[in-house]
Amino acid sequence: SGGAQLNNPVSIFVSGNYAYVTSLMSPALEIIDISNPASPTHTGAITSGIGAPRDVFVSGNYAYVASYSSNSLEIIDISNPANPIRKGAISDGTDGARLATPNSVYVSGNYAYVVSSGSDSLEIIDISNPASPTHKSSIYDGLGGALLGDPDSVFISGKYAYIASVTSNALE
């Protein structure tokens, strides 16, 4: 209610008094004030450049969105939750980035880790400059095999990336 586009919501990240929500059928990042859990209030949204957003991760003043149908990682400045602004993005193929149909994003330090089912890869992106994210490295099977087997989710702990792979039926 209150103007939020929540059509097939698939991901939520809570930070402070706000919930950041992505929905597959709503090309938007929705920001909802949850300071009163009995009465959440739609605060803001952004749709520019976001196609079928699959996942969101918030770190500091930025939301990182895995944009499935746009084949990109979108970086949104959320310092003003009522007026989020697209700060930067990196798309599939840019300087070797493997971001075909990204499913999940996790941010740790100056890096965003993105798994993409269309690329069967883990993409590592330097986000130290949110206006200009850069491809750092990719992990994938360059021989056309499914090394990561349709990766769906990623979590970083210490110096390790844990990846849930659909077709491999495994934790990689």
N, C-alpha and C. Protein backbone atom coordinates (compact mmCIF):
# COMPACT_ATOMS: atom_id res chain seq x y z
N SER A 1 0.84 -1.19 0.00
CA SER A 1 0.00 0.00 0.00
C SER A 1 0.88 1.24 0.00
N GLY A 2 0.27 2.38 -0.19
CA GLY A 2 1.00 3.63 -0.16
C GLY A 2 1.91 3.86 -1.36
N GLY A 3 1.69 3.16 -2.47
CA GLY A 3 2.46 3.39 -3.68
C GLY A 3 3.60 2.42 -3.92
N ALA A 4 3.87 1.52 -3.00
CA ALA A 4 4.96 0.57 -3.20
C ALA A 4 4.60 -0.44 -4.29
N GLN A 5 5.55 -0.71 -5.19
CA GLN A 5 5.37 -1.70 -6.25
C GLN A 5 5.97 -3.02 -5.76
N LEU A 6 5.14 -3.88 -5.21
CA LEU A 6 5.62 -5.15 -4.68
C LEU A 6 4.91 -6.29 -5.40
N ASN A 7 5.32 -6.54 -6.63
CA ASN A 7 4.73 -7.57 -7.46
C ASN A 7 5.74 -8.71 -7.59
N ASN A 8 5.51 -9.81 -6.90
CA ASN A 8 6.43 -10.94 -6.79
C ASN A 8 7.74 -10.54 -6.12
N PRO A 9 7.66 -10.03 -4.86
CA PRO A 9 8.89 -9.65 -4.16
C PRO A 9 9.78 -10.87 -3.94
N VAL A 10 11.10 -10.69 -4.15
CA VAL A 10 12.03 -11.80 -4.03
C VAL A 10 13.18 -11.55 -3.08
N SER A 11 13.42 -10.30 -2.69
CA SER A 11 14.55 -10.02 -1.82
C SER A 11 14.25 -8.83 -0.92
N ILE A 12 14.79 -8.91 0.30
CA ILE A 12 14.64 -7.81 1.25
C ILE A 12 15.94 -7.67 2.03
N PHE A 13 16.30 -6.43 2.31
CA PHE A 13 17.45 -6.14 3.16
C PHE A 13 16.99 -5.06 4.12
N VAL A 14 17.19 -5.29 5.41
CA VAL A 14 16.79 -4.32 6.42
C VAL A 14 18.04 -3.65 6.96
N SER A 15 18.01 -2.32 6.98
CA SER A 15 19.11 -1.53 7.53
C SER A 15 18.50 -0.33 8.25
N GLY A 16 18.78 -0.23 9.55
CA GLY A 16 18.21 0.86 10.33
C GLY A 16 16.70 0.78 10.35
N ASN A 17 16.06 1.89 10.02
CA ASN A 17 14.60 1.97 10.02
C ASN A 17 13.97 1.67 8.67
N TYR A 18 14.75 1.13 7.74
CA TYR A 18 14.23 0.94 6.39
C TYR A 18 14.38 -0.50 5.91
N ALA A 19 13.40 -0.93 5.13
CA ALA A 19 13.46 -2.21 4.42
C ALA A 19 13.59 -1.87 2.94
N TYR A 20 14.52 -2.51 2.29
CA TYR A 20 14.78 -2.33 0.86
C TYR A 20 14.30 -3.61 0.18
N VAL A 21 13.36 -3.48 -0.77
CA VAL A 21 12.69 -4.64 -1.34
C VAL A 21 12.78 -4.61 -2.86
N THR A 22 13.12 -5.78 -3.45
CA THR A 22 13.08 -5.93 -4.90
C THR A 22 12.01 -6.94 -5.25
N SER A 23 11.39 -6.73 -6.41
CA SER A 23 10.33 -7.62 -6.90
C SER A 23 10.60 -7.94 -8.36
N LEU A 24 10.42 -9.20 -8.72
CA LEU A 24 10.69 -9.62 -10.10
C LEU A 24 9.82 -8.91 -11.13
N MET A 25 8.56 -8.70 -10.80
CA MET A 25 7.62 -8.13 -11.76
C MET A 25 7.46 -6.62 -11.62
N SER A 26 8.23 -6.00 -10.73
CA SER A 26 8.21 -4.55 -10.57
C SER A 26 9.65 -4.06 -10.74
N PRO A 27 9.92 -3.36 -11.83
CA PRO A 27 11.29 -2.92 -12.06
C PRO A 27 11.66 -1.76 -11.14
N ALA A 28 11.79 -2.07 -9.83
CA ALA A 28 12.05 -1.01 -8.87
C ALA A 28 12.77 -1.54 -7.64
N LEU A 29 13.45 -0.63 -6.98
CA LEU A 29 13.92 -0.84 -5.62
C LEU A 29 12.99 -0.01 -4.76
N GLU A 30 12.25 -0.67 -3.89
CA GLU A 30 11.30 0.02 -3.00
C GLU A 30 11.94 0.22 -1.64
N ILE A 31 11.72 1.39 -1.05
CA ILE A 31 12.24 1.70 0.28
C ILE A 31 11.04 1.94 1.19
N ILE A 32 10.99 1.17 2.27
CA ILE A 32 9.84 1.21 3.18
C ILE A 32 10.33 1.52 4.59
N ASP A 33 9.74 2.55 5.20
CA ASP A 33 10.06 2.92 6.57
C ASP A 33 9.38 1.91 7.50
N ILE A 34 10.19 1.20 8.28
CA ILE A 34 9.65 0.19 9.19
C ILE A 34 9.89 0.58 10.65
N SER A 35 10.09 1.89 10.91
CA SER A 35 10.33 2.34 12.28
C SER A 35 9.15 2.01 13.19
N ASN A 36 7.94 1.94 12.62
CA ASN A 36 6.76 1.46 13.35
C ASN A 36 6.32 0.19 12.63
N PRO A 37 6.76 -0.98 13.12
CA PRO A 37 6.45 -2.24 12.42
C PRO A 37 4.96 -2.51 12.24
N ALA A 38 4.12 -1.92 13.08
CA ALA A 38 2.67 -2.12 12.95
C ALA A 38 2.11 -1.32 11.78
N SER A 39 2.87 -0.34 11.30
CA SER A 39 2.39 0.51 10.22
C SER A 39 3.55 0.92 9.30
N PRO A 40 4.08 -0.02 8.50
CA PRO A 40 5.16 0.35 7.58
C PRO A 40 4.68 1.37 6.55
N THR A 41 5.58 2.27 6.16
CA THR A 41 5.22 3.36 5.25
C THR A 41 6.15 3.38 4.04
N HIS A 42 5.56 3.45 2.85
CA HIS A 42 6.35 3.58 1.63
C HIS A 42 7.05 4.93 1.67
N THR A 43 8.39 4.92 1.49
CA THR A 43 9.17 6.14 1.58
C THR A 43 9.66 6.61 0.22
N GLY A 44 10.18 5.68 -0.58
CA GLY A 44 10.72 6.07 -1.87
C GLY A 44 10.94 4.85 -2.76
N ALA A 45 11.31 5.12 -4.01
CA ALA A 45 11.56 4.04 -4.97
C ALA A 45 12.40 4.59 -6.11
N ILE A 46 13.06 3.67 -6.80
CA ILE A 46 13.78 4.03 -8.01
C ILE A 46 13.57 2.91 -9.02
N THR A 47 13.33 3.30 -10.28
CA THR A 47 13.12 2.32 -11.33
C THR A 47 14.15 2.42 -12.44
N SER A 48 14.87 3.52 -12.52
CA SER A 48 15.82 3.76 -13.59
C SER A 48 16.89 2.68 -13.67
N GLY A 49 16.95 1.96 -14.80
CA GLY A 49 17.98 0.97 -15.04
C GLY A 49 17.80 -0.37 -14.36
N ILE A 50 16.74 -0.50 -13.59
CA ILE A 50 16.54 -1.74 -12.83
C ILE A 50 15.51 -2.60 -13.55
N GLY A 51 15.96 -3.75 -14.07
CA GLY A 51 15.07 -4.67 -14.77
C GLY A 51 15.02 -6.00 -14.05
N ALA A 52 13.85 -6.39 -13.59
CA ALA A 52 13.65 -7.65 -12.86
C ALA A 52 14.70 -7.81 -11.77
N PRO A 53 14.74 -6.90 -10.81
CA PRO A 53 15.76 -6.99 -9.76
C PRO A 53 15.59 -8.25 -8.92
N ARG A 54 16.65 -9.02 -8.77
CA ARG A 54 16.60 -10.30 -8.05
C ARG A 54 17.06 -10.20 -6.61
N ASP A 55 17.99 -9.27 -6.33
CA ASP A 55 18.56 -9.24 -4.98
C ASP A 55 19.02 -7.83 -4.67
N VAL A 56 19.09 -7.54 -3.37
CA VAL A 56 19.57 -6.23 -2.91
C VAL A 56 20.44 -6.44 -1.68
N PHE A 57 21.50 -5.65 -1.60
CA PHE A 57 22.39 -5.64 -0.43
C PHE A 57 22.68 -4.19 -0.13
N VAL A 58 22.54 -3.80 1.14
CA VAL A 58 22.77 -2.41 1.53
C VAL A 58 24.06 -2.33 2.35
N SER A 59 24.90 -1.37 2.00
CA SER A 59 26.13 -1.11 2.73
C SER A 59 26.35 0.40 2.76
N GLY A 60 26.36 0.96 3.95
CA GLY A 60 26.51 2.42 4.08
C GLY A 60 25.37 3.15 3.41
N ASN A 61 25.70 4.11 2.55
CA ASN A 61 24.68 4.92 1.86
C ASN A 61 24.30 4.37 0.50
N TYR A 62 24.64 3.10 0.23
CA TYR A 62 24.38 2.54 -1.09
C TYR A 62 23.63 1.21 -1.02
N ALA A 63 22.74 1.04 -1.99
CA ALA A 63 22.07 -0.24 -2.20
C ALA A 63 22.63 -0.81 -3.49
N TYR A 64 22.98 -2.07 -3.46
CA TYR A 64 23.54 -2.78 -4.61
C TYR A 64 22.47 -3.75 -5.09
N VAL A 65 22.06 -3.61 -6.34
CA VAL A 65 20.94 -4.39 -6.87
C VAL A 65 21.39 -5.26 -8.03
N ALA A 66 21.15 -6.57 -7.91
CA ALA A 66 21.40 -7.50 -9.01
C ALA A 66 20.21 -7.41 -9.94
N SER A 67 20.41 -6.79 -11.08
CA SER A 67 19.35 -6.52 -12.04
C SER A 67 19.34 -7.60 -13.12
N TYR A 68 18.47 -8.57 -12.94
CA TYR A 68 18.42 -9.80 -13.74
C TYR A 68 18.26 -9.55 -15.23
N SER A 69 17.21 -8.83 -15.62
CA SER A 69 16.97 -8.65 -17.06
C SER A 69 17.79 -7.52 -17.67
N SER A 70 18.42 -6.70 -16.83
CA SER A 70 19.32 -5.66 -17.35
C SER A 70 20.76 -6.16 -17.42
N ASN A 71 21.01 -7.38 -16.90
CA ASN A 71 22.36 -7.96 -16.91
C ASN A 71 23.38 -7.01 -16.31
N SER A 72 23.05 -6.52 -15.09
CA SER A 72 23.93 -5.52 -14.49
C SER A 72 23.86 -5.53 -12.97
N LEU A 73 24.85 -4.87 -12.39
CA LEU A 73 24.82 -4.53 -10.98
C LEU A 73 24.57 -3.03 -10.93
N GLU A 74 23.48 -2.64 -10.29
CA GLU A 74 23.13 -1.23 -10.16
C GLU A 74 23.51 -0.75 -8.77
N ILE A 75 24.08 0.44 -8.69
CA ILE A 75 24.45 1.02 -7.39
C ILE A 75 23.60 2.26 -7.19
N ILE A 76 22.83 2.23 -6.09
CA ILE A 76 21.86 3.28 -5.81
C ILE A 76 22.26 4.04 -4.54
N ASP A 77 22.35 5.36 -4.65
CA ASP A 77 22.62 6.21 -3.48
C ASP A 77 21.32 6.34 -2.70
N ILE A 78 21.30 5.84 -1.47
CA ILE A 78 20.09 5.85 -0.64
C ILE A 78 20.25 6.79 0.55
N SER A 79 21.18 7.74 0.47
CA SER A 79 21.40 8.67 1.58
C SER A 79 20.14 9.47 1.88
N ASN A 80 19.29 9.70 0.87
CA ASN A 80 17.97 10.30 1.06
C ASN A 80 16.95 9.25 0.64
N PRO A 81 16.42 8.47 1.60
CA PRO A 81 15.51 7.36 1.25
C PRO A 81 14.27 7.78 0.45
N ALA A 82 13.86 9.03 0.58
CA ALA A 82 12.69 9.50 -0.17
C ALA A 82 13.04 9.77 -1.63
N ASN A 83 14.32 9.92 -1.93
CA ASN A 83 14.74 10.24 -3.29
C ASN A 83 16.03 9.48 -3.64
N PRO A 84 15.96 8.16 -3.78
CA PRO A 84 17.16 7.40 -4.15
C PRO A 84 17.61 7.76 -5.56
N ILE A 85 18.92 7.75 -5.77
CA ILE A 85 19.49 8.16 -7.05
C ILE A 85 20.46 7.09 -7.55
N ARG A 86 20.36 6.78 -8.83
CA ARG A 86 21.29 5.83 -9.45
C ARG A 86 22.67 6.47 -9.49
N LYS A 87 23.63 5.84 -8.82
CA LYS A 87 24.98 6.38 -8.72
C LYS A 87 25.89 5.82 -9.79
N GLY A 88 25.78 4.51 -10.05
CA GLY A 88 26.63 3.87 -11.03
C GLY A 88 26.12 2.48 -11.36
N ALA A 89 26.77 1.84 -12.31
CA ALA A 89 26.38 0.48 -12.72
C ALA A 89 27.52 -0.14 -13.51
N ILE A 90 27.49 -1.46 -13.55
CA ILE A 90 28.38 -2.20 -14.43
C ILE A 90 27.55 -3.30 -15.05
N SER A 91 27.70 -3.48 -16.36
CA SER A 91 26.86 -4.46 -17.06
C SER A 91 27.71 -5.58 -17.67
N ASP A 92 27.03 -6.63 -18.06
CA ASP A 92 27.66 -7.80 -18.64
C ASP A 92 28.57 -7.40 -19.80
N GLY A 93 29.79 -7.90 -19.79
CA GLY A 93 30.74 -7.63 -20.87
C GLY A 93 31.65 -6.45 -20.64
N THR A 94 31.30 -5.55 -19.73
CA THR A 94 32.14 -4.38 -19.49
C THR A 94 33.48 -4.80 -18.90
N ASP A 95 34.54 -4.59 -19.63
CA ASP A 95 35.90 -4.95 -19.20
C ASP A 95 36.01 -6.40 -18.76
N GLY A 96 35.20 -7.28 -19.36
CA GLY A 96 35.26 -8.71 -19.05
C GLY A 96 34.29 -9.16 -17.97
N ALA A 97 33.46 -8.27 -17.49
CA ALA A 97 32.50 -8.64 -16.44
C ALA A 97 31.52 -9.69 -16.95
N ARG A 98 31.24 -10.68 -16.11
CA ARG A 98 30.33 -11.78 -16.45
C ARG A 98 29.07 -11.62 -15.60
N LEU A 99 28.11 -10.82 -16.11
CA LEU A 99 26.91 -10.49 -15.36
C LEU A 99 25.63 -10.83 -16.12
N ALA A 100 25.64 -11.92 -16.87
CA ALA A 100 24.43 -12.34 -17.58
C ALA A 100 23.45 -12.93 -16.56
N THR A 101 22.32 -12.31 -16.43
CA THR A 101 21.24 -12.69 -15.50
C THR A 101 21.75 -12.92 -14.07
N PRO A 102 22.19 -11.83 -13.42
CA PRO A 102 22.67 -11.95 -12.04
C PRO A 102 21.54 -12.28 -11.07
N ASN A 103 21.84 -13.17 -10.12
CA ASN A 103 20.84 -13.61 -9.15
C ASN A 103 21.03 -13.05 -7.75
N SER A 104 22.27 -12.85 -7.34
CA SER A 104 22.53 -12.51 -5.95
C SER A 104 23.75 -11.62 -5.84
N VAL A 105 23.75 -10.74 -4.81
CA VAL A 105 24.87 -9.85 -4.58
C VAL A 105 25.17 -9.81 -3.08
N TYR A 106 26.46 -9.76 -2.76
CA TYR A 106 26.91 -9.62 -1.37
C TYR A 106 28.06 -8.63 -1.39
N VAL A 107 28.06 -7.69 -0.46
CA VAL A 107 29.10 -6.67 -0.40
C VAL A 107 29.95 -6.88 0.84
N SER A 108 31.26 -6.84 0.64
CA SER A 108 32.21 -6.95 1.74
C SER A 108 33.37 -6.01 1.43
N GLY A 109 33.57 -5.03 2.29
CA GLY A 109 34.64 -4.06 2.06
C GLY A 109 34.42 -3.28 0.78
N ASN A 110 35.44 -3.23 -0.06
CA ASN A 110 35.36 -2.49 -1.32
C ASN A 110 34.93 -3.35 -2.50
N TYR A 111 34.36 -4.52 -2.22
CA TYR A 111 34.00 -5.42 -3.32
C TYR A 111 32.56 -5.90 -3.23
N ALA A 112 31.96 -6.02 -4.41
CA ALA A 112 30.64 -6.65 -4.54
C ALA A 112 30.88 -7.99 -5.21
N TYR A 113 30.27 -9.02 -4.67
CA TYR A 113 30.37 -10.37 -5.21
C TYR A 113 29.00 -10.71 -5.78
N VAL A 114 28.96 -11.02 -7.07
CA VAL A 114 27.70 -11.24 -7.77
C VAL A 114 27.75 -12.60 -8.45
N VAL A 115 26.70 -13.44 -8.21
CA VAL A 115 26.61 -14.69 -8.95
C VAL A 115 25.57 -14.52 -10.04
N SER A 116 25.90 -15.06 -11.21
CA SER A 116 25.05 -14.91 -12.39
C SER A 116 24.77 -16.27 -13.00
N SER A 117 23.49 -16.60 -13.14
CA SER A 117 23.12 -17.90 -13.70
C SER A 117 23.40 -17.96 -15.20
N GLY A 118 23.25 -16.86 -15.90
CA GLY A 118 23.51 -16.85 -17.34
C GLY A 118 24.98 -17.00 -17.68
N SER A 119 25.85 -16.67 -16.73
CA SER A 119 27.29 -16.79 -16.93
C SER A 119 27.89 -17.95 -16.16
N ASP A 120 27.07 -18.60 -15.32
CA ASP A 120 27.59 -19.64 -14.42
C ASP A 120 28.86 -19.15 -13.74
N SER A 121 28.78 -17.96 -13.13
CA SER A 121 30.00 -17.35 -12.61
C SER A 121 29.79 -16.61 -11.30
N LEU A 122 30.93 -16.38 -10.65
CA LEU A 122 31.02 -15.45 -9.54
C LEU A 122 31.83 -14.28 -10.06
N GLU A 123 31.24 -13.11 -10.04
CA GLU A 123 31.89 -11.89 -10.52
C GLU A 123 32.33 -11.07 -9.31
N ILE A 124 33.56 -10.59 -9.32
CA ILE A 124 34.07 -9.75 -8.25
C ILE A 124 34.26 -8.35 -8.81
N ILE A 125 33.58 -7.38 -8.17
CA ILE A 125 33.55 -6.02 -8.68
C ILE A 125 34.09 -5.06 -7.63
N ASP A 126 35.04 -4.22 -8.04
CA ASP A 126 35.59 -3.20 -7.16
C ASP A 126 34.59 -2.04 -7.11
N ILE A 127 34.07 -1.76 -5.92
CA ILE A 127 33.06 -0.71 -5.75
C ILE A 127 33.61 0.46 -4.93
N SER A 128 34.94 0.57 -4.84
CA SER A 128 35.52 1.66 -4.04
C SER A 128 35.09 3.03 -4.57
N ASN A 129 34.78 3.12 -5.86
CA ASN A 129 34.18 4.32 -6.44
C ASN A 129 32.80 3.92 -6.96
N PRO A 130 31.74 4.16 -6.16
CA PRO A 130 30.40 3.72 -6.55
C PRO A 130 29.91 4.29 -7.88
N ALA A 131 30.45 5.41 -8.30
CA ALA A 131 30.04 6.00 -9.59
C ALA A 131 30.66 5.26 -10.77
N SER A 132 31.72 4.51 -10.49
CA SER A 132 32.42 3.82 -11.57
C SER A 132 32.93 2.45 -11.10
N PRO A 133 32.02 1.50 -10.88
CA PRO A 133 32.45 0.16 -10.45
C PRO A 133 33.24 -0.52 -11.57
N THR A 134 34.23 -1.33 -11.18
CA THR A 134 35.07 -1.97 -12.18
C THR A 134 35.19 -3.48 -11.94
N HIS A 135 35.24 -4.21 -13.05
CA HIS A 135 35.45 -5.65 -13.03
C HIS A 135 36.83 -5.93 -12.46
N LYS A 136 36.88 -6.81 -11.45
CA LYS A 136 38.15 -7.19 -10.85
C LYS A 136 38.54 -8.60 -11.28
N SER A 137 37.57 -9.54 -11.20
CA SER A 137 37.87 -10.94 -11.51
C SER A 137 36.56 -11.71 -11.66
N SER A 138 36.65 -12.87 -12.29
CA SER A 138 35.51 -13.78 -12.42
C SER A 138 35.98 -15.20 -12.15
N ILE A 139 35.09 -16.00 -11.60
CA ILE A 139 35.35 -17.43 -11.44
C ILE A 139 34.26 -18.14 -12.23
N TYR A 140 34.68 -18.91 -13.25
CA TYR A 140 33.73 -19.62 -14.11
C TYR A 140 34.48 -20.70 -14.87
N ASP A 141 33.74 -21.56 -15.52
CA ASP A 141 34.34 -22.59 -16.36
C ASP A 141 34.37 -22.05 -17.78
N GLY A 142 35.52 -21.64 -18.25
CA GLY A 142 35.65 -21.07 -19.58
C GLY A 142 35.48 -22.06 -20.70
N LEU A 143 35.27 -23.33 -20.39
CA LEU A 143 35.14 -24.35 -21.42
C LEU A 143 33.68 -24.65 -21.75
N GLY A 144 32.75 -23.88 -21.21
CA GLY A 144 31.34 -24.08 -21.51
C GLY A 144 30.65 -25.03 -20.55
N GLY A 145 31.35 -25.52 -19.56
CA GLY A 145 30.74 -26.38 -18.55
C GLY A 145 30.07 -25.56 -17.47
N ALA A 146 29.48 -26.23 -16.54
CA ALA A 146 28.78 -25.53 -15.46
C ALA A 146 29.57 -25.66 -14.17
N LEU A 147 30.71 -25.01 -14.10
CA LEU A 147 31.56 -25.07 -12.92
C LEU A 147 30.77 -24.71 -11.67
N LEU A 148 30.01 -23.63 -11.72
CA LEU A 148 29.22 -23.22 -10.57
C LEU A 148 27.78 -23.71 -10.68
N GLY A 149 27.39 -24.28 -11.78
CA GLY A 149 26.09 -24.92 -11.93
C GLY A 149 24.88 -24.07 -11.62
N ASP A 150 24.68 -22.99 -12.36
CA ASP A 150 23.53 -22.12 -12.18
C ASP A 150 23.49 -21.53 -10.77
N PRO A 151 24.50 -20.72 -10.42
CA PRO A 151 24.57 -20.17 -9.07
C PRO A 151 23.38 -19.27 -8.77
N ASP A 152 22.81 -19.43 -7.58
CA ASP A 152 21.60 -18.70 -7.22
C ASP A 152 21.80 -17.73 -6.06
N SER A 153 22.76 -18.01 -5.19
CA SER A 153 22.94 -17.20 -4.00
C SER A 153 24.40 -17.21 -3.59
N VAL A 154 24.87 -16.08 -3.02
CA VAL A 154 26.25 -15.99 -2.57
C VAL A 154 26.29 -15.34 -1.19
N PHE A 155 27.22 -15.83 -0.36
CA PHE A 155 27.45 -15.28 0.97
C PHE A 155 28.96 -15.27 1.19
N ILE A 156 29.48 -14.16 1.70
CA ILE A 156 30.91 -14.03 1.95
C ILE A 156 31.15 -14.09 3.45
N SER A 157 32.12 -14.91 3.85
CA SER A 157 32.53 -14.99 5.25
C SER A 157 34.04 -15.08 5.28
N GLY A 158 34.67 -14.06 5.85
CA GLY A 158 36.14 -14.04 5.85
C GLY A 158 36.67 -13.98 4.44
N LYS A 159 37.56 -14.90 4.10
CA LYS A 159 38.14 -14.90 2.76
C LYS A 159 37.49 -15.93 1.84
N TYR A 160 36.28 -16.41 2.20
CA TYR A 160 35.61 -17.43 1.40
C TYR A 160 34.26 -16.95 0.87
N ALA A 161 33.94 -17.40 -0.33
CA ALA A 161 32.62 -17.17 -0.93
C ALA A 161 31.89 -18.51 -0.91
N TYR A 162 30.66 -18.50 -0.40
CA TYR A 162 29.82 -19.70 -0.38
C TYR A 162 28.71 -19.48 -1.38
N ILE A 163 28.56 -20.43 -2.30
CA ILE A 163 27.62 -20.27 -3.40
C ILE A 163 26.67 -21.46 -3.46
N ALA A 164 25.37 -21.17 -3.47
CA ALA A 164 24.36 -22.21 -3.65
C ALA A 164 24.17 -22.38 -5.16
N SER A 165 24.44 -23.59 -5.66
CA SER A 165 24.33 -23.87 -7.10
C SER A 165 23.16 -24.79 -7.38
N VAL A 166 22.24 -24.33 -8.20
CA VAL A 166 21.00 -25.04 -8.48
C VAL A 166 21.24 -26.35 -9.22
N THR A 167 21.85 -26.31 -10.40
CA THR A 167 21.98 -27.53 -11.19
C THR A 167 23.05 -28.48 -10.66
N SER A 168 23.95 -27.98 -9.83
CA SER A 168 24.94 -28.84 -9.20
C SER A 168 24.39 -29.48 -7.92
N ASN A 169 23.24 -28.97 -7.45
CA ASN A 169 22.68 -29.44 -6.18
C ASN A 169 23.75 -29.41 -5.09
N ALA A 170 24.45 -28.26 -5.02
CA ALA A 170 25.59 -28.21 -4.12
C ALA A 170 25.81 -26.83 -3.53
N LEU A 171 26.57 -26.85 -2.45
CA LEU A 171 27.14 -25.63 -1.90
C LEU A 171 28.57 -25.60 -2.40
N GLU A 172 28.90 -24.59 -3.19
CA GLU A 172 30.24 -24.50 -3.80
C GLU A 172 31.12 -23.62 -2.93
